PDB file of N, CA and C in Angstrom:
ATOM      1  N   MET A   1       0.835  -1.191   0.000  1.00  0.00           N
ATOM      2  CA  MET A   1       0.000   0.000   0.000  1.00  0.00           C
ATOM      3  C   MET A   1       0.873   1.246   0.000  1.00  0.00           C
ATOM      4  N   ASP A   2       0.442   2.228  -0.735  1.00  0.00           N
ATOM      5  CA  ASP A   2       1.158   3.497  -0.818  1.00  0.00           C
ATOM      6  C   ASP A   2       0.877   4.313   0.442  1.00  0.00           C
ATOM      7  N   GLN A   3       1.894   4.529   1.264  1.00  0.00           N
ATOM      8  CA  GLN A   3       1.717   5.246   2.527  1.00  0.00           C
ATOM      9  C   GLN A   3       1.479   6.739   2.328  1.00  0.00           C
ATOM     10  N   ASP A   4       1.773   7.264   1.132  1.00  0.00           N
ATOM     11  CA  ASP A   4       1.512   8.674   0.837  1.00  0.00           C
ATOM     12  C   ASP A   4       0.124   8.901   0.241  1.00  0.00           C
ATOM     13  N   GLU A   5      -0.607   7.831  -0.012  1.00  0.00           N
ATOM     14  CA  GLU A   5      -1.954   7.928  -0.570  1.00  0.00           C
ATOM     15  C   GLU A   5      -2.887   8.608   0.435  1.00  0.00           C
ATOM     16  N   TYR A   6      -3.723   9.518  -0.069  1.00  0.00           N
ATOM     17  CA  TYR A   6      -4.702  10.188   0.789  1.00  0.00           C
ATOM     18  C   TYR A   6      -5.909   9.282   0.997  1.00  0.00           C
ATOM     19  N   VAL A   7      -6.321   9.183   2.255  1.00  0.00           N
ATOM     20  CA  VAL A   7      -7.440   8.318   2.617  1.00  0.00           C
ATOM     21  C   VAL A   7      -8.386   9.048   3.569  1.00  0.00           C
ATOM     22  N   ILE A   8      -9.579   8.488   3.697  1.00  0.00           N
ATOM     23  CA  ILE A   8     -10.567   8.983   4.659  1.00  0.00           C
ATOM     24  C   ILE A   8     -10.628   7.951   5.783  1.00  0.00           C
ATOM     25  N   PHE A   9     -10.321   8.408   6.988  1.00  0.00           N
ATOM     26  CA  PHE A   9     -10.289   7.513   8.145  1.00  0.00           C
ATOM     27  C   PHE A   9     -11.661   7.348   8.791  1.00  0.00           C
ATOM     28  N   ALA A  10     -12.457   8.436   8.779  1.00  0.00           N
ATOM     29  CA  ALA A  10     -13.744   8.389   9.482  1.00  0.00           C
ATOM     30  C   ALA A  10     -14.651   9.514   9.008  1.00  0.00           C
ATOM     31  N   GLU A  11     -15.932   9.358   9.296  1.00  0.00           N
ATOM     32  CA  GLU A  11     -16.925  10.410   9.078  1.00  0.00           C
ATOM     33  C   GLU A  11     -17.467  10.831  10.438  1.00  0.00           C
ATOM     34  N   LEU A  12     -17.558  12.154  10.637  1.00  0.00           N
ATOM     35  CA  LEU A  12     -17.995  12.715  11.911  1.00  0.00           C
ATOM     36  C   LEU A  12     -19.265  13.525  11.715  1.00  0.00           C
ATOM     37  N   ASP A  13     -20.010  13.717  12.778  1.00  0.00           N
ATOM     38  CA  ASP A  13     -21.260  14.472  12.757  1.00  0.00           C
ATOM     39  C   ASP A  13     -20.964  15.965  12.655  1.00  0.00           C
ATOM     40  N   GLY A  14     -21.318  16.569  11.534  1.00  0.00           N
ATOM     41  CA  GLY A  14     -21.071  17.990  11.308  1.00  0.00           C
ATOM     42  C   GLY A  14     -21.802  18.901  12.274  1.00  0.00           C
ATOM     43  N   ALA A  15     -22.904  18.446  12.849  1.00  0.00           N
ATOM     44  CA  ALA A  15     -23.644  19.252  13.824  1.00  0.00           C
ATOM     45  C   ALA A  15     -22.842  19.451  15.104  1.00  0.00           C
ATOM     46  N   CYS A  16     -21.801  18.665  15.284  1.00  0.00           N
ATOM     47  CA  CYS A  16     -20.963  18.741  16.490  1.00  0.00           C
ATOM     48  C   CYS A  16     -19.656  19.486  16.228  1.00  0.00           C
ATOM     49  N   PHE A  17     -19.607  20.293  15.174  1.00  0.00           N
ATOM     50  CA  PHE A  17     -18.371  20.970  14.776  1.00  0.00           C
ATOM     51  C   PHE A  17     -17.727  21.726  15.936  1.00  0.00           C
ATOM     52  N   GLU A  18     -18.490  22.564  16.641  1.00  0.00           N
ATOM     53  CA  GLU A  18     -17.920  23.375  17.722  1.00  0.00           C
ATOM     54  C   GLU A  18     -17.360  22.500  18.838  1.00  0.00           C
ATOM     55  N   GLN A  19     -18.062  21.440  19.187  1.00  0.00           N
ATOM     56  CA  GLN A  19     -17.589  20.538  20.230  1.00  0.00           C
ATOM     57  C   GLN A  19     -16.314  19.816  19.798  1.00  0.00           C
ATOM     58  N   ILE A  20     -16.260  19.426  18.526  1.00  0.00           N
ATOM     59  CA  ILE A  20     -15.070  18.757  18.001  1.00  0.00           C
ATOM     60  C   ILE A  20     -13.878  19.703  18.069  1.00  0.00           C
ATOM     61  N   VAL A  21     -14.062  20.946  17.631  1.00  0.00           N
ATOM     62  CA  VAL A  21     -12.978  21.934  17.689  1.00  0.00           C
ATOM     63  C   VAL A  21     -12.505  22.113  19.128  1.00  0.00           C
ATOM     64  N   ALA A  22     -13.430  22.307  20.061  1.00  0.00           N
ATOM     65  CA  ALA A  22     -13.064  22.522  21.466  1.00  0.00           C
ATOM     66  C   ALA A  22     -12.283  21.333  22.023  1.00  0.00           C
ATOM     67  N   SER A  23     -12.702  20.142  21.678  1.00  0.00           N
ATOM     68  CA  SER A  23     -12.022  18.943  22.160  1.00  0.00           C
ATOM     69  C   SER A  23     -10.606  18.844  21.598  1.00  0.00           C
ATOM     70  N   LEU A  24     -10.445  19.154  20.321  1.00  0.00           N
ATOM     71  CA  LEU A  24      -9.130  19.053  19.686  1.00  0.00           C
ATOM     72  C   LEU A  24      -8.197  20.180  20.105  1.00  0.00           C
ATOM     73  N   GLN A  25      -8.736  21.368  20.388  1.00  0.00           N
ATOM     74  CA  GLN A  25      -7.899  22.489  20.816  1.00  0.00           C
ATOM     75  C   GLN A  25      -7.173  22.169  22.117  1.00  0.00           C
ATOM     76  N   GLY A  26      -7.784  21.403  22.975  1.00  0.00           N
ATOM     77  CA  GLY A  26      -7.149  21.036  24.227  1.00  0.00           C
ATOM     78  C   GLY A  26      -6.024  20.035  24.064  1.00  0.00           C
ATOM     79  N   ARG A  27      -5.934  19.415  22.907  1.00  0.00           N
ATOM     80  CA  ARG A  27      -4.965  18.339  22.677  1.00  0.00           C
ATOM     81  C   ARG A  27      -3.888  18.687  21.643  1.00  0.00           C
ATOM     82  N   PHE A  28      -4.250  19.470  20.623  1.00  0.00           N
ATOM     83  CA  PHE A  28      -3.328  19.754  19.522  1.00  0.00           C
ATOM     84  C   PHE A  28      -3.037  21.252  19.457  1.00  0.00           C
ATOM     85  N   ALA A  29      -1.770  21.618  19.557  1.00  0.00           N
ATOM     86  CA  ALA A  29      -1.377  23.031  19.603  1.00  0.00           C
ATOM     87  C   ALA A  29      -1.497  23.706  18.236  1.00  0.00           C
ATOM     88  N   ARG A  30      -1.219  22.993  17.182  1.00  0.00           N
ATOM     89  CA  ARG A  30      -1.208  23.587  15.841  1.00  0.00           C
ATOM     90  C   ARG A  30      -2.500  23.236  15.108  1.00  0.00           C
ATOM     91  N   LEU A  31      -3.555  23.958  15.465  1.00  0.00           N
ATOM     92  CA  LEU A  31      -4.889  23.690  14.941  1.00  0.00           C
ATOM     93  C   LEU A  31      -5.456  24.963  14.326  1.00  0.00           C
ATOM     94  N   GLN A  32      -6.012  24.845  13.138  1.00  0.00           N
ATOM     95  CA  GLN A  32      -6.724  25.946  12.486  1.00  0.00           C
ATOM     96  C   GLN A  32      -8.114  25.425  12.135  1.00  0.00           C
ATOM     97  N   PHE A  33      -9.084  26.336  12.114  1.00  0.00           N
ATOM     98  CA  PHE A  33     -10.436  25.904  11.767  1.00  0.00           C
ATOM     99  C   PHE A  33     -11.227  27.091  11.245  1.00  0.00           C
ATOM    100  N   GLY A  34     -12.326  26.793  10.571  1.00  0.00           N
ATOM    101  CA  GLY A  34     -13.182  27.854  10.070  1.00  0.00           C
ATOM    102  C   GLY A  34     -14.480  27.310   9.515  1.00  0.00           C
ATOM    103  N   ARG A  35     -15.350  28.266   9.216  1.00  0.00           N
ATOM    104  CA  ARG A  35     -16.649  27.955   8.607  1.00  0.00           C
ATOM    105  C   ARG A  35     -16.855  28.970   7.494  1.00  0.00           C
ATOM    106  N   GLN A  36     -16.616  28.550   6.276  1.00  0.00           N
ATOM    107  CA  GLN A  36     -16.758  29.437   5.124  1.00  0.00           C
ATOM    108  C   GLN A  36     -17.552  28.714   4.049  1.00  0.00           C
ATOM    109  N   GLY A  37     -18.812  28.481   4.305  1.00  0.00           N
ATOM    110  CA  GLY A  37     -19.620  27.668   3.401  1.00  0.00           C
ATOM    111  C   GLY A  37     -19.477  26.199   3.737  1.00  0.00           C
ATOM    112  N   ASP A  38     -18.272  25.779   4.036  1.00  0.00           N
ATOM    113  CA  ASP A  38     -17.971  24.429   4.515  1.00  0.00           C
ATOM    114  C   ASP A  38     -17.268  24.555   5.853  1.00  0.00           C
ATOM    115  N   ASP A  39     -17.335  23.509   6.643  1.00  0.00           N
ATOM    116  CA  ASP A  39     -16.602  23.456   7.907  1.00  0.00           C
ATOM    117  C   ASP A  39     -15.254  22.795   7.649  1.00  0.00           C
ATOM    118  N   TRP A  40     -14.199  23.307   8.287  1.00  0.00           N
ATOM    119  CA  TRP A  40     -12.885  22.695   8.114  1.00  0.00           C
ATOM    120  C   TRP A  40     -12.040  22.865   9.367  1.00  0.00           C
ATOM    121  N   ILE A  41     -11.227  21.864   9.618  1.00  0.00           N
ATOM    122  CA  ILE A  41     -10.268  21.853  10.715  1.00  0.00           C
ATOM    123  C   ILE A  41      -8.975  21.278  10.147  1.00  0.00           C
ATOM    124  N   TRP A  42      -7.864  21.949  10.397  1.00  0.00           N
ATOM    125  CA  TRP A  42      -6.555  21.449   9.981  1.00  0.00           C
ATOM    126  C   TRP A  42      -5.704  21.227  11.214  1.00  0.00           C
ATOM    127  N   LEU A  43      -5.120  20.050  11.319  1.00  0.00           N
ATOM    128  CA  LEU A  43      -4.181  19.716  12.383  1.00  0.00           C
ATOM    129  C   LEU A  43      -2.804  19.577  11.751  1.00  0.00           C
ATOM    130  N   GLU A  44      -1.942  20.538  11.990  1.00  0.00           N
ATOM    131  CA  GLU A  44      -0.587  20.496  11.441  1.00  0.00           C
ATOM    132  C   GLU A  44       0.263  19.563  12.299  1.00  0.00           C
ATOM    133  N   HIS A  45       1.109  18.762  11.651  1.00  0.00           N
ATOM    134  CA  HIS A  45       2.033  17.882  12.368  1.00  0.00           C
ATOM    135  C   HIS A  45       3.322  17.783  11.573  1.00  0.00           C
ATOM    136  N   ARG A  46       4.291  17.078  12.105  1.00  0.00           N
ATOM    137  CA  ARG A  46       5.638  17.098  11.509  1.00  0.00           C
ATOM    138  C   ARG A  46       5.691  16.556  10.083  1.00  0.00           C
ATOM    139  N   HIS A  47       4.752  15.712   9.698  1.00  0.00           N
ATOM    140  CA  HIS A  47       4.752  15.136   8.350  1.00  0.00           C
ATOM    141  C   HIS A  47       3.799  15.837   7.391  1.00  0.00           C
ATOM    142  N   GLY A  48       3.036  16.803   7.874  1.00  0.00           N
ATOM    143  CA  GLY A  48       2.071  17.453   6.997  1.00  0.00           C
ATOM    144  C   GLY A  48       0.848  17.918   7.746  1.00  0.00           C
ATOM    145  N   ARG A  49      -0.302  17.511   7.255  1.00  0.00           N
ATOM    146  CA  ARG A  49      -1.550  18.004   7.835  1.00  0.00           C
ATOM    147  C   ARG A  49      -2.627  16.919   7.801  1.00  0.00           C
ATOM    148  N   MET A  50      -3.333  16.799   8.916  1.00  0.00           N
ATOM    149  CA  MET A  50      -4.539  15.972   9.004  1.00  0.00           C
ATOM    150  C   MET A  50      -5.703  16.933   8.804  1.00  0.00           C
ATOM    151  N   GLU A  51      -6.692  16.552   8.029  1.00  0.00           N
ATOM    152  CA  GLU A  51      -7.807  17.441   7.704  1.00  0.00           C
ATOM    153  C   GLU A  51      -9.133  16.830   8.141  1.00  0.00           C
ATOM    154  N   ILE A  52     -10.013  17.697   8.604  1.00  0.00           N
ATOM    155  CA  ILE A  52     -11.396  17.323   8.891  1.00  0.00           C
ATOM    156  C   ILE A  52     -12.242  18.373   8.186  1.00  0.00           C
ATOM    157  N   ASP A  53     -13.054  17.963   7.220  1.00  0.00           N
ATOM    158  CA  ASP A  53     -13.823  18.971   6.486  1.00  0.00           C
ATOM    159  C   ASP A  53     -15.067  18.384   5.835  1.00  0.00           C
ATOM    160  N   THR A  54     -15.897  19.307   5.330  1.00  0.00           N
ATOM    161  CA  THR A  54     -17.118  18.931   4.606  1.00  0.00           C
ATOM    162  C   THR A  54     -17.016  19.323   3.128  1.00  0.00           C
ATOM    163  N   PHE A  55     -15.801  19.429   2.602  1.00  0.00           N
ATOM    164  CA  PHE A  55     -15.627  19.903   1.228  1.00  0.00           C
ATOM    165  C   PHE A  55     -16.301  19.006   0.194  1.00  0.00           C
ATOM    166  N   TYR A  56     -16.303  17.692   0.410  1.00  0.00           N
ATOM    167  CA  TYR A  56     -16.866  16.763  -0.578  1.00  0.00           C
ATOM    168  C   TYR A  56     -17.901  15.818   0.021  1.00  0.00           C
ATOM    169  N   SER A  57     -18.436  16.171   1.177  1.00  0.00           N
ATOM    170  CA  SER A  57     -19.379  15.290   1.859  1.00  0.00           C
ATOM    171  C   SER A  57     -20.293  16.108   2.760  1.00  0.00           C
ATOM    172  N   THR A  58     -21.432  15.554   3.088  1.00  0.00           N
ATOM    173  CA  THR A  58     -22.294  16.199   4.081  1.00  0.00           C
ATOM    174  C   THR A  58     -21.796  15.894   5.489  1.00  0.00           C
ATOM    175  N   TRP A  59     -20.950  14.879   5.642  1.00  0.00           N
ATOM    176  CA  TRP A  59     -20.309  14.552   6.919  1.00  0.00           C
ATOM    177  C   TRP A  59     -18.976  15.278   7.008  1.00  0.00           C
ATOM    178  N   LEU A  60     -18.494  15.496   8.209  1.00  0.00           N
ATOM    179  CA  LEU A  60     -17.108  15.915   8.396  1.00  0.00           C
ATOM    180  C   LEU A  60     -16.242  14.683   8.149  1.00  0.00           C
ATOM    181  N   GLU A  61     -15.322  14.774   7.207  1.00  0.00           N
ATOM    182  CA  GLU A  61     -14.454  13.637   6.903  1.00  0.00           C
ATOM    183  C   GLU A  61     -13.083  13.863   7.537  1.00  0.00           C
ATOM    184  N   LEU A  62     -12.605  12.879   8.277  1.00  0.00           N
ATOM    185  CA  LEU A  62     -11.256  12.895   8.839  1.00  0.00           C
ATOM    186  C   LEU A  62     -10.348  12.249   7.812  1.00  0.00           C
ATOM    187  N   LYS A  63      -9.413  13.028   7.259  1.00  0.00           N
ATOM    188  CA  LYS A  63      -8.594  12.499   6.174  1.00  0.00           C
ATOM    189  C   LYS A  63      -7.153  12.961   6.273  1.00  0.00           C
ATOM    190  N   GLY A  64      -6.308  12.191   5.629  1.00  0.00           N
ATOM    191  CA  GLY A  64      -4.883  12.475   5.602  1.00  0.00           C
ATOM    192  C   GLY A  64      -4.187  11.379   4.818  1.00  0.00           C
ATOM    193  N   ARG A  65      -2.881  11.333   4.944  1.00  0.00           N
ATOM    194  CA  ARG A  65      -2.127  10.279   4.260  1.00  0.00           C
ATOM    195  C   ARG A  65      -2.255   8.968   5.034  1.00  0.00           C
ATOM    196  N   ARG A  66      -2.212   7.889   4.322  1.00  0.00           N
ATOM    197  CA  ARG A  66      -2.354   6.565   4.943  1.00  0.00           C
ATOM    198  C   ARG A  66      -1.366   6.388   6.098  1.00  0.00           C
ATOM    199  N   ARG A  67      -0.158   6.916   5.961  1.00  0.00           N
ATOM    200  CA  ARG A  67       0.861   6.762   7.007  1.00  0.00           C
ATOM    201  C   ARG A  67       0.487   7.467   8.310  1.00  0.00           C
ATOM    202  N   ASP A  68      -0.517   8.348   8.280  1.00  0.00           N
ATOM    203  CA  ASP A  68      -0.948   9.086   9.472  1.00  0.00           C
ATOM    204  C   ASP A  68      -2.037   8.356  10.255  1.00  0.00           C
ATOM    205  N   TYR A  69      -2.147   7.056  10.045  1.00  0.00           N
ATOM    206  CA  TYR A  69      -3.170   6.253  10.729  1.00  0.00           C
ATOM    207  C   TYR A  69      -3.091   6.417  12.249  1.00  0.00           C
ATOM    208  N   GLY A  70      -1.888   6.425  12.795  1.00  0.00           N
ATOM    209  CA  GLY A  70      -1.722   6.581  14.243  1.00  0.00           C
ATOM    210  C   GLY A  70      -2.260   7.906  14.740  1.00  0.00           C
ATOM    211  N   LEU A  71      -1.996   8.972  13.997  1.00  0.00           N
ATOM    212  CA  LEU A  71      -2.511  10.286  14.369  1.00  0.00           C
ATOM    213  C   LEU A  71      -4.037  10.319  14.249  1.00  0.00           C
ATOM    214  N   ALA A  72      -4.573   9.685  13.228  1.00  0.00           N
ATOM    215  CA  ALA A  72      -6.035   9.623  13.080  1.00  0.00           C
ATOM    216  C   ALA A  72      -6.655   8.932  14.291  1.00  0.00           C
ATOM    217  N   ARG A  73      -6.022   7.876  14.790  1.00  0.00           N
ATOM    218  CA  ARG A  73      -6.513   7.183  15.988  1.00  0.00           C
ATOM    219  C   ARG A  73      -6.464   8.111  17.202  1.00  0.00           C
ATOM    220  N   GLU A  74      -5.399   8.932  17.309  1.00  0.00           N
ATOM    221  CA  GLU A  74      -5.309   9.907  18.406  1.00  0.00           C
ATOM    222  C   GLU A  74      -6.451  10.915  18.330  1.00  0.00           C
ATOM    223  N   VAL A  75      -6.720  11.404  17.120  1.00  0.00           N
ATOM    224  CA  VAL A  75      -7.810  12.367  16.929  1.00  0.00           C
ATOM    225  C   VAL A  75      -9.132  11.738  17.354  1.00  0.00           C
ATOM    226  N   LEU A  76      -9.408  10.546  16.884  1.00  0.00           N
ATOM    227  CA  LEU A  76     -10.669   9.878  17.217  1.00  0.00           C
ATOM    228  C   LEU A  76     -10.788   9.616  18.720  1.00  0.00           C
ATOM    229  N   ALA A  77      -9.677   9.353  19.378  1.00  0.00           N
ATOM    230  CA  ALA A  77      -9.699   9.105  20.822  1.00  0.00           C
ATOM    231  C   ALA A  77     -10.078  10.352  21.613  1.00  0.00           C
ATOM    232  N   CYS A  78      -9.900  11.535  21.026  1.00  0.00           N
ATOM    233  CA  CYS A  78     -10.255  12.801  21.685  1.00  0.00           C
ATOM    234  C   CYS A  78     -11.743  13.107  21.584  1.00  0.00           C
ATOM    235  N   LEU A  79     -12.454  12.391  20.746  1.00  0.00           N
ATOM    236  CA  LEU A  79     -13.843  12.723  20.441  1.00  0.00           C
ATOM    237  C   LEU A  79     -14.823  11.839  21.204  1.00  0.00           C
ATOM    238  N   GLN A  80     -15.991  12.374  21.455  1.00  0.00           N
ATOM    239  CA  GLN A  80     -17.070  11.597  22.059  1.00  0.00           C
ATOM    240  C   GLN A  80     -17.567  10.576  21.026  1.00  0.00           C
ATOM    241  N   PRO A  81     -17.844   9.364  21.438  1.00  0.00           N
ATOM    242  CA  PRO A  81     -18.324   8.349  20.489  1.00  0.00           C
ATOM    243  C   PRO A  81     -19.552   8.793  19.691  1.00  0.00           C
ATOM    244  N   ALA A  82     -20.422   9.585  20.282  1.00  0.00           N
ATOM    245  CA  ALA A  82     -21.634  10.035  19.587  1.00  0.00           C
ATOM    246  C   ALA A  82     -21.317  10.957  18.411  1.00  0.00           C
ATOM    247  N   TRP A  83     -20.146  11.572  18.400  1.00  0.00           N
ATOM    248  CA  TRP A  83     -19.766  12.472  17.307  1.00  0.00           C
ATOM    249  C   TRP A  83     -19.228  11.705  16.103  1.00  0.00           C
ATOM    250  N   ILE A  84     -18.883  10.448  16.280  1.00  0.00           N
ATOM    251  CA  ILE A  84     -18.276   9.627  15.231  1.00  0.00           C
ATOM    252  C   ILE A  84     -19.375   8.817  14.550  1.00  0.00           C
ATOM    253  N   GLU A  85     -19.606   9.095  13.285  1.00  0.00           N
ATOM    254  CA  GLU A  85     -20.639   8.379  12.530  1.00  0.00           C
ATOM    255  C   GLU A  85     -20.136   7.041  12.006  1.00  0.00           C
ATOM    256  N   HIS A  86     -18.888   7.037  11.489  1.00  0.00           N
ATOM    257  CA  HIS A  86     -18.367   5.807  10.892  1.00  0.00           C
ATOM    258  C   HIS A  86     -16.844   5.864  10.852  1.00  0.00           C
ATOM    259  N   ILE A  87     -16.205   4.776  11.249  1.00  0.00           N
ATOM    260  CA  ILE A  87     -14.754   4.620  11.107  1.00  0.00           C
ATOM    261  C   ILE A  87     -14.523   3.596  10.005  1.00  0.00           C
ATOM    262  N   PHE A  88     -13.728   3.964   9.015  1.00  0.00           N
ATOM    263  CA  PHE A  88     -13.451   3.055   7.898  1.00  0.00           C
ATOM    264  C   PHE A  88     -12.290   2.130   8.257  1.00  0.00           C
ATOM    265  N   GLN A  89     -12.540   0.825   8.177  1.00  0.00           N
ATOM    266  CA  GLN A  89     -11.521  -0.195   8.421  1.00  0.00           C
ATOM    267  C   GLN A  89     -11.498  -1.130   7.223  1.00  0.00           C
ATOM    268  N   PRO A  90     -10.543  -1.043   6.351  1.00  0.00           N
ATOM    269  CA  PRO A  90      -9.422  -0.104   6.319  1.00  0.00           C
ATOM    270  C   PRO A  90      -9.882   1.276   5.844  1.00  0.00           C
ATOM    271  N   PRO A  91      -9.017   2.280   5.991  1.00  0.00           N
ATOM    272  CA  PRO A  91      -9.384   3.620   5.510  1.00  0.00           C
ATOM    273  C   PRO A  91      -9.745   3.593   4.028  1.00  0.00           C
ATOM    274  N   ARG A  92     -10.696   4.447   3.656  1.00  0.00           N
ATOM    275  CA  ARG A  92     -11.188   4.526   2.274  1.00  0.00           C
ATOM    276  C   ARG A  92     -10.327   5.506   1.474  1.00  0.00           C
ATOM    277  N   VAL A  93      -9.978   5.147   0.266  1.00  0.00           N
ATOM    278  CA  VAL A  93      -9.186   6.029  -0.596  1.00  0.00           C
ATOM    279  C   VAL A  93      -9.965   7.310  -0.860  1.00  0.00           C
ATOM    280  N   ASP A  94      -9.291   8.452  -0.744  1.00  0.00           N
ATOM    281  CA  ASP A  94      -9.893   9.759  -1.023  1.00  0.00           C
ATOM    282  C   ASP A  94      -9.739  10.031  -2.520  1.00  0.00           C
ATOM    283  N   VAL A  95     -10.789   9.773  -3.281  1.00  0.00           N
ATOM    284  CA  VAL A  95     -10.729   9.904  -4.741  1.00  0.00           C
ATOM    285  C   VAL A  95     -10.763  11.356  -5.208  1.00  0.00           C
ATOM    286  N   THR A  96     -10.914  12.309  -4.283  1.00  0.00           N
ATOM    287  CA  THR A  96     -10.919  13.725  -4.663  1.00  0.00           C
ATOM    288  C   THR A  96      -9.505  14.272  -4.814  1.00  0.00           C
ATOM    289  N   ARG A  97      -8.497  13.481  -4.504  1.00  0.00           N
ATOM    290  CA  ARG A  97      -7.097  13.929  -4.592  1.00  0.00           C
ATOM    291  C   ARG A  97      -6.466  13.484  -5.874  1.00  0.00           C
TER     292      ARG A  97
END
């Protein structure tokens, strides 16, 4: 498997955007977010960026490179189970890239 391939790790409830941001702000120092027609959250890390957004879905999609699986698990561990709609096992290829 190509570890640089972009994948979708999970789908989150977009109605919980503010709660998700608040939960992640307490854990990740390099976080940006906004609401400009779509909701988006960027988590910067040493290898790049993990993204949570509604750019191509009605759900908030947690996505990044396949090699960031461990970080995706950390992100999901910060969230309330009710905010998580679906975790893809294995992660789904992000065909928008």
